[in-house]
Amino acid sequence: LALSPELGAGALTVGAAHPPLALPPTVTIDTHVIDARFDPPV
């Protein structure tokens, strides 16, 4: 996805636009957010 060419290094909020799914006990979903605007990435 193209977000903005002028995004810069300021505060960026990332969140789900949809409600979370109700999952069965044997399934988990983990989220990994990598901020590669910095070196090393966060």
Full PDB file with SEQRES, HELIX, SHEET, SSBOND, CRYST1, ORIGX, SCALE, CONECT and MASTER records, all heavy atoms in Angstrom:
SEQRES   1 A   42  LEU ALA LEU SER PRO GLU LEU GLY ALA GLY ALA LEU THR          
SEQRES   2 A   42  VAL GLY ALA ALA HIS PRO PRO LEU ALA LEU PRO PRO THR          
SEQRES   3 A   42  VAL THR ILE ASP THR HIS VAL ILE ASP ALA ARG PHE ASP          
SEQRES   4 A   42  PRO PRO VAL                                                  
CRYST1    1.000    1.000    1.000  90.00  90.00  90.00 P 1           1          
ORIGX1      1.000000  0.000000  0.000000        0.00000                         
ORIGX2      0.000000  1.000000  0.000000        0.00000                         
ORIGX3      0.000000  0.000000  1.000000        0.00000                         
SCALE1      1.000000  0.000000  0.000000        0.00000                         
SCALE2      0.000000  1.000000  0.000000        0.00000                         
SCALE3      0.000000  0.000000  1.000000        0.00000                         
ATOM      1  N   LEU A   1       0.836  -1.197   0.000  1.00  0.00           N  
ATOM      2  CA  LEU A   1       0.000   0.000   0.000  1.00  0.00           C  
ATOM      3  C   LEU A   1       0.871   1.248   0.000  1.00  0.00           C  
ATOM      4  O   LEU A   1       1.921   1.278   0.645  1.00  0.00           O  
ATOM      5  CB  LEU A   1      -0.908   0.037   1.231  1.00  0.00           C  
ATOM      6  CG  LEU A   1      -1.787  -1.185   1.518  1.00  0.00           C  
ATOM      7  CD1 LEU A   1      -2.625  -0.941   2.768  1.00  0.00           C  
ATOM      8  CD2 LEU A   1      -2.671  -1.502   0.324  1.00  0.00           C  
ATOM      9  N   ALA A   2       0.434   2.256  -0.711  1.00  0.00           N  
ATOM     10  CA  ALA A   2       1.079   3.570  -0.675  1.00  0.00           C  
ATOM     11  C   ALA A   2       0.337   4.425   0.335  1.00  0.00           C  
ATOM     12  O   ALA A   2      -0.863   4.673   0.194  1.00  0.00           O  
ATOM     13  CB  ALA A   2       1.050   4.211  -2.056  1.00  0.00           C  
ATOM     14  N   LEU A   3       1.034   4.885   1.390  1.00  0.00           N  
ATOM     15  CA  LEU A   3       0.407   5.689   2.436  1.00  0.00           C  
ATOM     16  C   LEU A   3       0.523   7.173   2.143  1.00  0.00           C  
ATOM     17  O   LEU A   3      -0.450   7.859   1.879  1.00  0.00           O  
ATOM     18  CB  LEU A   3       1.042   5.370   3.795  1.00  0.00           C  
ATOM     19  CG  LEU A   3       0.945   3.921   4.263  1.00  0.00           C  
ATOM     20  CD1 LEU A   3       1.625   3.758   5.614  1.00  0.00           C  
ATOM     21  CD2 LEU A   3      -0.501   3.460   4.343  1.00  0.00           C  
ATOM     22  N   SER A   4       1.743   7.683   2.197  1.00  0.00           N  
ATOM     23  CA  SER A   4       1.988   9.095   1.924  1.00  0.00           C  
ATOM     24  C   SER A   4       3.478   9.299   1.708  1.00  0.00           C  
ATOM     25  O   SER A   4       4.287   8.871   2.531  1.00  0.00           O  
ATOM     26  CB  SER A   4       1.513   9.963   3.088  1.00  0.00           C  
ATOM     27  OG  SER A   4       1.954  11.307   2.923  1.00  0.00           O  
ATOM     28  N   PRO A   5       3.866   9.952   0.625  1.00  0.00           N  
ATOM     29  CA  PRO A   5       5.299  10.203   0.385  1.00  0.00           C  
ATOM     30  C   PRO A   5       5.897  11.165   1.403  1.00  0.00           C  
ATOM     31  O   PRO A   5       7.109  11.253   1.540  1.00  0.00           O  
ATOM     32  CB  PRO A   5       5.318  10.788  -1.030  1.00  0.00           C  
ATOM     33  CG  PRO A   5       3.956  11.373  -1.226  1.00  0.00           C  
ATOM     34  CD  PRO A   5       3.028  10.481  -0.464  1.00  0.00           C  
ATOM     35  N   GLU A   6       5.040  11.882   2.142  1.00  0.00           N  
ATOM     36  CA  GLU A   6       5.509  12.844   3.141  1.00  0.00           C  
ATOM     37  C   GLU A   6       5.258  12.329   4.562  1.00  0.00           C  
ATOM     38  O   GLU A   6       5.054  13.103   5.488  1.00  0.00           O  
ATOM     39  CB  GLU A   6       4.796  14.179   2.941  1.00  0.00           C  
ATOM     40  CG  GLU A   6       5.006  14.783   1.548  1.00  0.00           C  
ATOM     41  CD  GLU A   6       4.218  16.067   1.356  1.00  0.00           C  
ATOM     42  OE1 GLU A   6       3.422  16.399   2.263  1.00  0.00           O  
ATOM     43  OE2 GLU A   6       4.377  16.706   0.306  1.00  0.00           O  
ATOM     44  N   LEU A   7       5.304  11.009   4.713  1.00  0.00           N  
ATOM     45  CA  LEU A   7       4.987  10.414   6.002  1.00  0.00           C  
ATOM     46  C   LEU A   7       5.941  10.880   7.091  1.00  0.00           C  
ATOM     47  O   LEU A   7       5.537  11.227   8.193  1.00  0.00           O  
ATOM     48  CB  LEU A   7       5.025   8.882   5.890  1.00  0.00           C  
ATOM     49  CG  LEU A   7       4.607   8.099   7.134  1.00  0.00           C  
ATOM     50  CD1 LEU A   7       3.187   8.450   7.536  1.00  0.00           C  
ATOM     51  CD2 LEU A   7       4.724   6.597   6.868  1.00  0.00           C  
ATOM     52  N   GLY A   8       7.236  10.923   6.794  1.00  0.00           N  
ATOM     53  CA  GLY A   8       8.221  11.393   7.768  1.00  0.00           C  
ATOM     54  C   GLY A   8       8.399  10.431   8.924  1.00  0.00           C  
ATOM     55  O   GLY A   8       7.954   9.280   8.898  1.00  0.00           O  
ATOM     56  N   ALA A   9       9.048  10.928   9.973  1.00  0.00           N  
ATOM     57  CA  ALA A   9       9.380  10.087  11.126  1.00  0.00           C  
ATOM     58  C   ALA A   9       8.530  10.426  12.347  1.00  0.00           C  
ATOM     59  O   ALA A   9       8.878  10.052  13.460  1.00  0.00           O  
ATOM     60  CB  ALA A   9      10.863  10.237  11.466  1.00  0.00           C  
ATOM     61  N   GLY A  10       7.431  11.147  12.146  1.00  0.00           N  
ATOM     62  CA  GLY A  10       6.572  11.508  13.270  1.00  0.00           C  
ATOM     63  C   GLY A  10       5.765  10.330  13.778  1.00  0.00           C  
ATOM     64  O   GLY A  10       5.858   9.209  13.269  1.00  0.00           O  
ATOM     65  N   ALA A  11       4.955  10.591  14.799  1.00  0.00           N  
ATOM     66  CA  ALA A  11       4.134   9.532  15.396  1.00  0.00           C  
ATOM     67  C   ALA A  11       3.146   8.982  14.373  1.00  0.00           C  
ATOM     68  O   ALA A  11       2.475   9.729  13.657  1.00  0.00           O  
ATOM     69  CB  ALA A  11       3.388  10.077  16.609  1.00  0.00           C  
ATOM     70  N   LEU A  12       3.076   7.668  14.281  1.00  0.00           N  
ATOM     71  CA  LEU A  12       2.169   6.986  13.357  1.00  0.00           C  
ATOM     72  C   LEU A  12       1.359   5.967  14.147  1.00  0.00           C  
ATOM     73  O   LEU A  12       1.922   5.122  14.845  1.00  0.00           O  
ATOM     74  CB  LEU A  12       2.956   6.290  12.250  1.00  0.00           C  
ATOM     75  CG  LEU A  12       2.124   5.520  11.213  1.00  0.00           C  
ATOM     76  CD1 LEU A  12       1.287   6.486  10.372  1.00  0.00           C  
ATOM     77  CD2 LEU A  12       3.019   4.671  10.317  1.00  0.00           C  
ATOM     78  N   THR A  13       0.033   6.048  14.035  1.00  0.00           N  
ATOM     79  CA  THR A  13      -0.852   5.114  14.723  1.00  0.00           C  
ATOM     80  C   THR A  13      -1.352   4.068  13.742  1.00  0.00           C  
ATOM     81  O   THR A  13      -1.841   4.409  12.659  1.00  0.00           O  
ATOM     82  CB  THR A  13      -2.041   5.850  15.352  1.00  0.00           C  
ATOM     83  OG1 THR A  13      -1.558   6.855  16.251  1.00  0.00           O  
ATOM     84  CG2 THR A  13      -2.936   4.888  16.106  1.00  0.00           C  
ATOM     85  N   VAL A  14      -1.218   2.802  14.131  1.00  0.00           N  
ATOM     86  CA  VAL A  14      -1.631   1.687  13.279  1.00  0.00           C  
ATOM     87  C   VAL A  14      -2.637   0.849  14.052  1.00  0.00           C  
ATOM     88  O   VAL A  14      -2.366   0.412  15.177  1.00  0.00           O  
ATOM     89  CB  VAL A  14      -0.426   0.817  12.876  1.00  0.00           C  
ATOM     90  CG1 VAL A  14      -0.865  -0.303  11.941  1.00  0.00           C  
ATOM     91  CG2 VAL A  14       0.655   1.664  12.217  1.00  0.00           C  
ATOM     92  N   GLY A  15      -3.809   0.629  13.465  1.00  0.00           N  
ATOM     93  CA  GLY A  15      -4.835  -0.150  14.148  1.00  0.00           C  
ATOM     94  C   GLY A  15      -5.758  -0.835  13.166  1.00  0.00           C  
ATOM     95  O   GLY A  15      -5.793  -0.490  11.981  1.00  0.00           O  
ATOM     96  N   ALA A  16      -6.496  -1.820  13.654  1.00  0.00           N  
ATOM     97  CA  ALA A  16      -7.447  -2.541  12.814  1.00  0.00           C  
ATOM     98  C   ALA A  16      -8.667  -1.672  12.548  1.00  0.00           C  
ATOM     99  O   ALA A  16      -9.197  -1.036  13.456  1.00  0.00           O  
ATOM    100  CB  ALA A  16      -7.861  -3.843  13.481  1.00  0.00           C  
ATOM    101  N   ALA A  17      -9.111  -1.666  11.298  1.00  0.00           N  
ATOM    102  CA  ALA A  17     -10.314  -0.914  10.945  1.00  0.00           C  
ATOM    103  C   ALA A  17     -11.576  -1.732  11.200  1.00  0.00           C  
ATOM    104  O   ALA A  17     -12.670  -1.176  11.261  1.00  0.00           O  
ATOM    105  CB  ALA A  17     -10.256  -0.495   9.471  1.00  0.00           C  
ATOM    106  N   HIS A  18     -11.425  -3.058  11.345  1.00  0.00           N  
ATOM    107  CA  HIS A  18     -12.560  -3.946  11.606  1.00  0.00           C  
ATOM    108  C   HIS A  18     -12.506  -4.440  13.044  1.00  0.00           C  
ATOM    109  O   HIS A  18     -11.439  -4.447  13.673  1.00  0.00           O  
ATOM    110  CB  HIS A  18     -12.527  -5.152  10.660  1.00  0.00           C  
ATOM    111  CG  HIS A  18     -12.579  -4.789   9.206  1.00  0.00           C  
ATOM    112  ND1 HIS A  18     -13.301  -3.716   8.741  1.00  0.00           N  
ATOM    113  CD2 HIS A  18     -11.994  -5.360   8.107  1.00  0.00           C  
ATOM    114  CE1 HIS A  18     -13.178  -3.641   7.422  1.00  0.00           C  
ATOM    115  NE2 HIS A  18     -12.376  -4.619   7.014  1.00  0.00           N  
ATOM    116  N   PRO A  19     -13.628  -4.872  13.590  1.00  0.00           N  
ATOM    117  CA  PRO A  19     -13.614  -5.449  14.949  1.00  0.00           C  
ATOM    118  C   PRO A  19     -12.826  -6.750  14.951  1.00  0.00           C  
ATOM    119  O   PRO A  19     -12.726  -7.430  13.918  1.00  0.00           O  
ATOM    120  CB  PRO A  19     -15.100  -5.679  15.238  1.00  0.00           C  
ATOM    121  CG  PRO A  19     -15.741  -5.785  13.889  1.00  0.00           C  
ATOM    122  CD  PRO A  19     -14.982  -4.865  12.993  1.00  0.00           C  
ATOM    123  N   PRO A  20     -12.259  -7.137  16.103  1.00  0.00           N  
ATOM    124  CA  PRO A  20     -11.490  -8.382  16.158  1.00  0.00           C  
ATOM    125  C   PRO A  20     -12.374  -9.599  15.959  1.00  0.00           C  
ATOM    126  O   PRO A  20     -13.543  -9.610  16.348  1.00  0.00           O  
ATOM    127  CB  PRO A  20     -10.876  -8.360  17.564  1.00  0.00           C  
ATOM    128  CG  PRO A  20     -11.787  -7.474  18.357  1.00  0.00           C  
ATOM    129  CD  PRO A  20     -12.290  -6.429  17.395  1.00  0.00           C  
ATOM    130  N   LEU A  21     -11.807 -10.610  15.334  1.00  0.00           N  
ATOM    131  CA  LEU A  21     -12.533 -11.855  15.137  1.00  0.00           C  
ATOM    132  C   LEU A  21     -12.609 -12.638  16.444  1.00  0.00           C  
ATOM    133  O   LEU A  21     -11.658 -12.667  17.223  1.00  0.00           O  
ATOM    134  CB  LEU A  21     -11.824 -12.727  14.090  1.00  0.00           C  
ATOM    135  CG  LEU A  21     -11.952 -12.311  12.625  1.00  0.00           C  
ATOM    136  CD1 LEU A  21     -11.121 -13.250  11.758  1.00  0.00           C  
ATOM    137  CD2 LEU A  21     -13.402 -12.339  12.178  1.00  0.00           C  
ATOM    138  N   ALA A  22     -13.735 -13.293  16.677  1.00  0.00           N  
ATOM    139  CA  ALA A  22     -13.850 -14.221  17.799  1.00  0.00           C  
ATOM    140  C   ALA A  22     -13.229 -15.539  17.358  1.00  0.00           C  
ATOM    141  O   ALA A  22     -13.676 -16.144  16.380  1.00  0.00           O  
ATOM    142  CB  ALA A  22     -15.317 -14.404  18.178  1.00  0.00           C  
ATOM    143  N   LEU A  23     -12.179 -15.974  18.056  1.00  0.00           N  
ATOM    144  CA  LEU A  23     -11.417 -17.133  17.621  1.00  0.00           C  
ATOM    145  C   LEU A  23     -11.684 -18.329  18.526  1.00  0.00           C  
ATOM    146  O   LEU A  23     -11.928 -18.170  19.722  1.00  0.00           O  
ATOM    147  CB  LEU A  23      -9.915 -16.814  17.643  1.00  0.00           C  
ATOM    148  CG  LEU A  23      -9.469 -15.630  16.787  1.00  0.00           C  
ATOM    149  CD1 LEU A  23      -8.005 -15.324  17.043  1.00  0.00           C  
ATOM    150  CD2 LEU A  23      -9.698 -15.933  15.308  1.00  0.00           C  
ATOM    151  N   PRO A  24     -11.598 -19.543  17.985  1.00  0.00           N  
ATOM    152  CA  PRO A  24     -11.689 -20.741  18.837  1.00  0.00           C  
ATOM    153  C   PRO A  24     -10.447 -20.839  19.711  1.00  0.00           C  
ATOM    154  O   PRO A  24      -9.415 -20.226  19.416  1.00  0.00           O  
ATOM    155  CB  PRO A  24     -11.759 -21.892  17.816  1.00  0.00           C  
ATOM    156  CG  PRO A  24     -11.164 -21.335  16.562  1.00  0.00           C  
ATOM    157  CD  PRO A  24     -11.492 -19.878  16.545  1.00  0.00           C  
ATOM    158  N   PRO A  25     -10.506 -21.622  20.806  1.00  0.00           N  
ATOM    159  CA  PRO A  25      -9.381 -21.681  21.742  1.00  0.00           C  
ATOM    160  C   PRO A  25      -8.077 -22.154  21.119  1.00  0.00           C  
ATOM    161  O   PRO A  25      -6.999 -21.833  21.605  1.00  0.00           O  
ATOM    162  CB  PRO A  25      -9.872 -22.670  22.810  1.00  0.00           C  
ATOM    163  CG  PRO A  25     -11.354 -22.644  22.711  1.00  0.00           C  
ATOM    164  CD  PRO A  25     -11.660 -22.394  21.269  1.00  0.00           C  
ATOM    165  N   THR A  26      -8.151 -22.948  20.028  1.00  0.00           N  
ATOM    166  CA  THR A  26      -6.934 -23.506  19.434  1.00  0.00           C  
ATOM    167  C   THR A  26      -6.298 -22.582  18.398  1.00  0.00           C  
ATOM    168  O   THR A  26      -5.295 -22.937  17.791  1.00  0.00           O  
ATOM    169  CB  THR A  26      -7.247 -24.855  18.764  1.00  0.00           C  
ATOM    170  OG1 THR A  26      -8.296 -24.670  17.801  1.00  0.00           O  
ATOM    171  CG2 THR A  26      -7.682 -25.874  19.805  1.00  0.00           C  
ATOM    172  N   VAL A  27      -6.861 -21.402  18.178  1.00  0.00           N  
ATOM    173  CA  VAL A  27      -6.335 -20.491  17.161  1.00  0.00           C  
ATOM    174  C   VAL A  27      -5.962 -19.164  17.802  1.00  0.00           C  
ATOM    175  O   VAL A  27      -6.705 -18.630  18.619  1.00  0.00           O  
ATOM    176  CB  VAL A  27      -7.381 -20.247  16.037  1.00  0.00           C  
ATOM    177  CG1 VAL A  27      -6.853 -19.248  15.018  1.00  0.00           C  
ATOM    178  CG2 VAL A  27      -7.742 -21.562  15.347  1.00  0.00           C  
ATOM    179  N   THR A  28      -4.798 -18.650  17.454  1.00  0.00           N  
ATOM    180  CA  THR A  28      -4.381 -17.325  17.889  1.00  0.00           C  
ATOM    181  C   THR A  28      -3.890 -16.543  16.689  1.00  0.00           C  
ATOM    182  O   THR A  28      -3.417 -17.128  15.709  1.00  0.00           O  
ATOM    183  CB  THR A  28      -3.252 -17.391  18.937  1.00  0.00           C  
ATOM    184  OG1 THR A  28      -2.100 -18.013  18.339  1.00  0.00           O  
ATOM    185  CG2 THR A  28      -3.670 -18.168  20.156  1.00  0.00           C  
ATOM    186  N   ILE A  29      -4.025 -15.239  16.747  1.00  0.00           N  
ATOM    187  CA  ILE A  29      -3.481 -14.354  15.713  1.00  0.00           C  
ATOM    188  C   ILE A  29      -2.575 -13.338  16.400  1.00  0.00           C  
ATOM    189  O   ILE A  29      -3.025 -12.589  17.262  1.00  0.00           O  
ATOM    190  CB  ILE A  29      -4.595 -13.636  14.928  1.00  0.00           C  
ATOM    191  CG1 ILE A  29      -5.448 -14.654  14.162  1.00  0.00           C  
ATOM    192  CG2 ILE A  29      -3.990 -12.620  13.959  1.00  0.00           C  
ATOM    193  CD1 ILE A  29      -6.583 -14.046  13.373  1.00  0.00           C  
ATOM    194  N   ASP A  30      -1.299 -13.356  16.054  1.00  0.00           N  
ATOM    195  CA  ASP A  30      -0.333 -12.414  16.597  1.00  0.00           C  
ATOM    196  C   ASP A  30      -0.035 -11.352  15.550  1.00  0.00           C  
ATOM    197  O   ASP A  30      -0.019 -11.627  14.349  1.00  0.00           O  
ATOM    198  CB  ASP A  30       0.959 -13.121  16.996  1.00  0.00           C  
ATOM    199  CG  ASP A  30       0.729 -14.155  18.085  1.00  0.00           C  
ATOM    200  OD1 ASP A  30      -0.129 -13.899  18.940  1.00  0.00           O  
ATOM    201  OD2 ASP A  30       1.394 -15.197  18.068  1.00  0.00           O  
ATOM    202  N   THR A  31       0.206 -10.145  16.006  1.00  0.00           N  
ATOM    203  CA  THR A  31       0.488  -9.023  15.113  1.00  0.00           C  
ATOM    204  C   THR A  31       1.910  -8.528  15.337  1.00  0.00           C  
ATOM    205  O   THR A  31       2.339  -8.354  16.473  1.00  0.00           O  
ATOM    206  CB  THR A  31      -0.499  -7.865  15.357  1.00  0.00           C  
ATOM    207  OG1 THR A  31      -1.832  -8.334  15.099  1.00  0.00           O  
ATOM    208  CG2 THR A  31      -0.196  -6.699  14.430  1.00  0.00           C  
ATOM    209  N   HIS A  32       2.623  -8.313  14.245  1.00  0.00           N  
ATOM    210  CA  HIS A  32       3.991  -7.803  14.296  1.00  0.00           C  
ATOM    211  C   HIS A  32       4.059  -6.547  13.430  1.00  0.00           C  
ATOM    212  O   HIS A  32       3.814  -6.611  12.225  1.00  0.00           O  
ATOM    213  CB  HIS A  32       4.981  -8.847  13.791  1.00  0.00           C  
ATOM    214  CG  HIS A  32       4.823 -10.193  14.445  1.00  0.00           C  
ATOM    215  ND1 HIS A  32       5.349 -10.476  15.676  1.00  0.00           N  
ATOM    216  CD2 HIS A  32       4.153 -11.304  14.050  1.00  0.00           C  
ATOM    217  CE1 HIS A  32       5.042 -11.722  16.009  1.00  0.00           C  
ATOM    218  NE2 HIS A  32       4.303 -12.239  15.039  1.00  0.00           N  
ATOM    219  N   VAL A  33       4.323  -5.432  14.065  1.00  0.00           N  
ATOM    220  CA  VAL A  33       4.425  -4.151  13.354  1.00  0.00           C  
ATOM    221  C   VAL A  33       5.893  -3.736  13.346  1.00  0.00           C  
ATOM    222  O   VAL A  33       6.524  -3.628  14.407  1.00  0.00           O  
ATOM    223  CB  VAL A  33       3.566  -3.066  14.031  1.00  0.00           C  
ATOM    224  CG1 VAL A  33       3.647  -1.765  13.240  1.00  0.00           C  
ATOM    225  CG2 VAL A  33       2.114  -3.530  14.148  1.00  0.00           C  
ATOM    226  N   ILE A  34       6.427  -3.518  12.152  1.00  0.00           N  
ATOM    227  CA  ILE A  34       7.830  -3.130  12.004  1.00  0.00           C  
ATOM    228  C   ILE A  34       7.878  -1.710  11.445  1.00  0.00           C  
ATOM    229  O   ILE A  34       7.372  -1.447  10.347  1.00  0.00           O  
ATOM    230  CB  ILE A  34       8.579  -4.086  11.060  1.00  0.00           C  
ATOM    231  CG1 ILE A  34       8.520  -5.518  11.593  1.00  0.00           C  
ATOM    232  CG2 ILE A  34      10.025  -3.647  10.880  1.00  0.00           C  
ATOM    233  CD1 ILE A  34       9.130  -6.550  10.668  1.00  0.00           C  
ATOM    234  N   ASP A  35       8.478  -0.816  12.203  1.00  0.00           N  
ATOM    235  CA  ASP A  35       8.639   0.562  11.755  1.00  0.00           C  
ATOM    236  C   ASP A  35      10.023   0.679  11.111  1.00  0.00           C  
ATOM    237  O   ASP A  35      11.028   0.897  11.781  1.00  0.00           O  
ATOM    238  CB  ASP A  35       8.511   1.521  12.932  1.00  0.00           C  
ATOM    239  CG  ASP A  35       8.400   2.971  12.491  1.00  0.00           C  
ATOM    240  OD1 ASP A  35       8.625   3.238  11.291  1.00  0.00           O  
ATOM    241  OD2 ASP A  35       8.094   3.836  13.332  1.00  0.00           O  
ATOM    242  N   ALA A  36      10.062   0.507   9.781  1.00  0.00           N  
ATOM    243  CA  ALA A  36      11.321   0.539   9.036  1.00  0.00           C  
ATOM    244  C   ALA A  36      11.697   1.946   8.613  1.00  0.00           C  
ATOM    245  O   ALA A  36      12.590   2.123   7.774  1.00  0.00           O  
ATOM    246  CB  ALA A  36      11.226  -0.381   7.814  1.00  0.00           C  
ATOM    247  N   ARG A  37      11.061   2.950   9.196  1.00  0.00           N  
ATOM    248  CA  ARG A  37      11.468   4.333   8.927  1.00  0.00           C  
ATOM    249  C   ARG A  37      12.771   4.652   9.651  1.00  0.00           C  
ATOM    250  O   ARG A  37      13.392   5.685   9.386  1.00  0.00           O  
ATOM    251  CB  ARG A  37      10.379   5.302   9.383  1.00  0.00           C  
ATOM    252  CG  ARG A  37       9.050   5.172   8.637  1.00  0.00           C  
ATOM    253  CD  ARG A  37       7.996   6.116   9.208  1.00  0.00           C  
ATOM    254  NE  ARG A  37       7.682   5.780  10.597  1.00  0.00           N  
ATOM    255  CZ  ARG A  37       6.997   6.587  11.413  1.00  0.00           C  
ATOM    256  NH1 ARG A  37       6.589   7.771  10.973  1.00  0.00           N  
ATOM    257  NH2 ARG A  37       6.743   6.209  12.650  1.00  0.00           N  
ATOM    258  N   PHE A  38      13.177   3.755  10.558  1.00  0.00           N  
ATOM    259  CA  PHE A  38      14.378   3.987  11.354  1.00  0.00           C  
ATOM    260  C   PHE A  38      15.373   2.855  11.142  1.00  0.00           C  
ATOM    261  O   PHE A  38      15.010   1.759  10.710  1.00  0.00           O  
ATOM    262  CB  PHE A  38      14.007   4.093  12.840  1.00  0.00           C  
ATOM    263  CG  PHE A  38      12.974   5.141  13.140  1.00  0.00           C  
ATOM    264  CD1 PHE A  38      11.625   4.823  13.171  1.00  0.00           C  
ATOM    265  CD2 PHE A  38      13.353   6.456  13.369  1.00  0.00           C  
ATOM    266  CE1 PHE A  38      10.667   5.782  13.434  1.00  0.00           C  
ATOM    267  CE2 PHE A  38      12.403   7.431  13.632  1.00  0.00           C  
ATOM    268  CZ  PHE A  38      11.057   7.096  13.666  1.00  0.00           C  
ATOM    269  N   ASP A  39      16.623   3.124  11.444  1.00  0.00           N  
ATOM    270  CA  ASP A  39      17.682   2.130  11.336  1.00  0.00           C  
ATOM    271  C   ASP A  39      18.386   2.015  12.693  1.00  0.00           C  
ATOM    272  O   ASP A  39      19.021   2.981  13.130  1.00  0.00           O  
ATOM    273  CB  ASP A  39      18.684   2.528  10.247  1.00  0.00           C  
ATOM    274  CG  ASP A  39      19.710   1.443   9.985  1.00  0.00           C  
ATOM    275  OD1 ASP A  39      19.441   0.278  10.345  1.00  0.00           O  
ATOM    276  OD2 ASP A  39      20.778   1.769   9.428  1.00  0.00           O  
ATOM    277  N   PRO A  40      18.274   0.868  13.366  1.00  0.00           N  
ATOM    278  CA  PRO A  40      17.563  -0.343  12.944  1.00  0.00           C  
ATOM    279  C   PRO A  40      16.057  -0.193  13.093  1.00  0.00           C  
ATOM    280  O   PRO A  40      15.587   0.649  13.857  1.00  0.00           O  
ATOM    281  CB  PRO A  40      18.111  -1.402  13.909  1.00  0.00           C  
ATOM    282  CG  PRO A  40      18.438  -0.633  15.145  1.00  0.00           C  
ATOM    283  CD  PRO A  40      18.946   0.699  14.677  1.00  0.00           C  
ATOM    284  N   PRO A  41      15.302  -1.018  12.357  1.00  0.00           N  
ATOM    285  CA  PRO A  41      13.841  -0.940  12.446  1.00  0.00           C  
ATOM    286  C   PRO A  41      13.346  -1.227  13.858  1.00  0.00           C  
ATOM    287  O   PRO A  41      13.990  -1.940  14.623  1.00  0.00           O  
ATOM    288  CB  PRO A  41      13.370  -2.026  11.464  1.00  0.00           C  
ATOM    289  CG  PRO A  41      14.516  -2.210  10.527  1.00  0.00           C  
ATOM    290  CD  PRO A  41      15.748  -2.005  11.361  1.00  0.00           C  
ATOM    291  N   VAL A  42      12.200  -0.655  14.190  1.00  0.00           N  
ATOM    292  CA  VAL A  42      11.577  -0.858  15.502  1.00  0.00           C  
ATOM    293  C   VAL A  42      10.480  -1.901  15.344  1.00  0.00           C  
ATOM    294  O   VAL A  42       9.604  -1.767  14.481  1.00  0.00           O  
ATOM    295  CB  VAL A  42      10.990   0.457  16.050  1.00  0.00           C  
ATOM    296  CG1 VAL A  42      10.313   0.220  17.388  1.00  0.00           C  
ATOM    297  CG2 VAL A  42      12.082   1.512  16.167  1.00  0.00           C  
TER     298      VAL A  42                                                      
MASTER        0    0    0    0    0    0    0    6  297    1    0    4          
END                                                                             
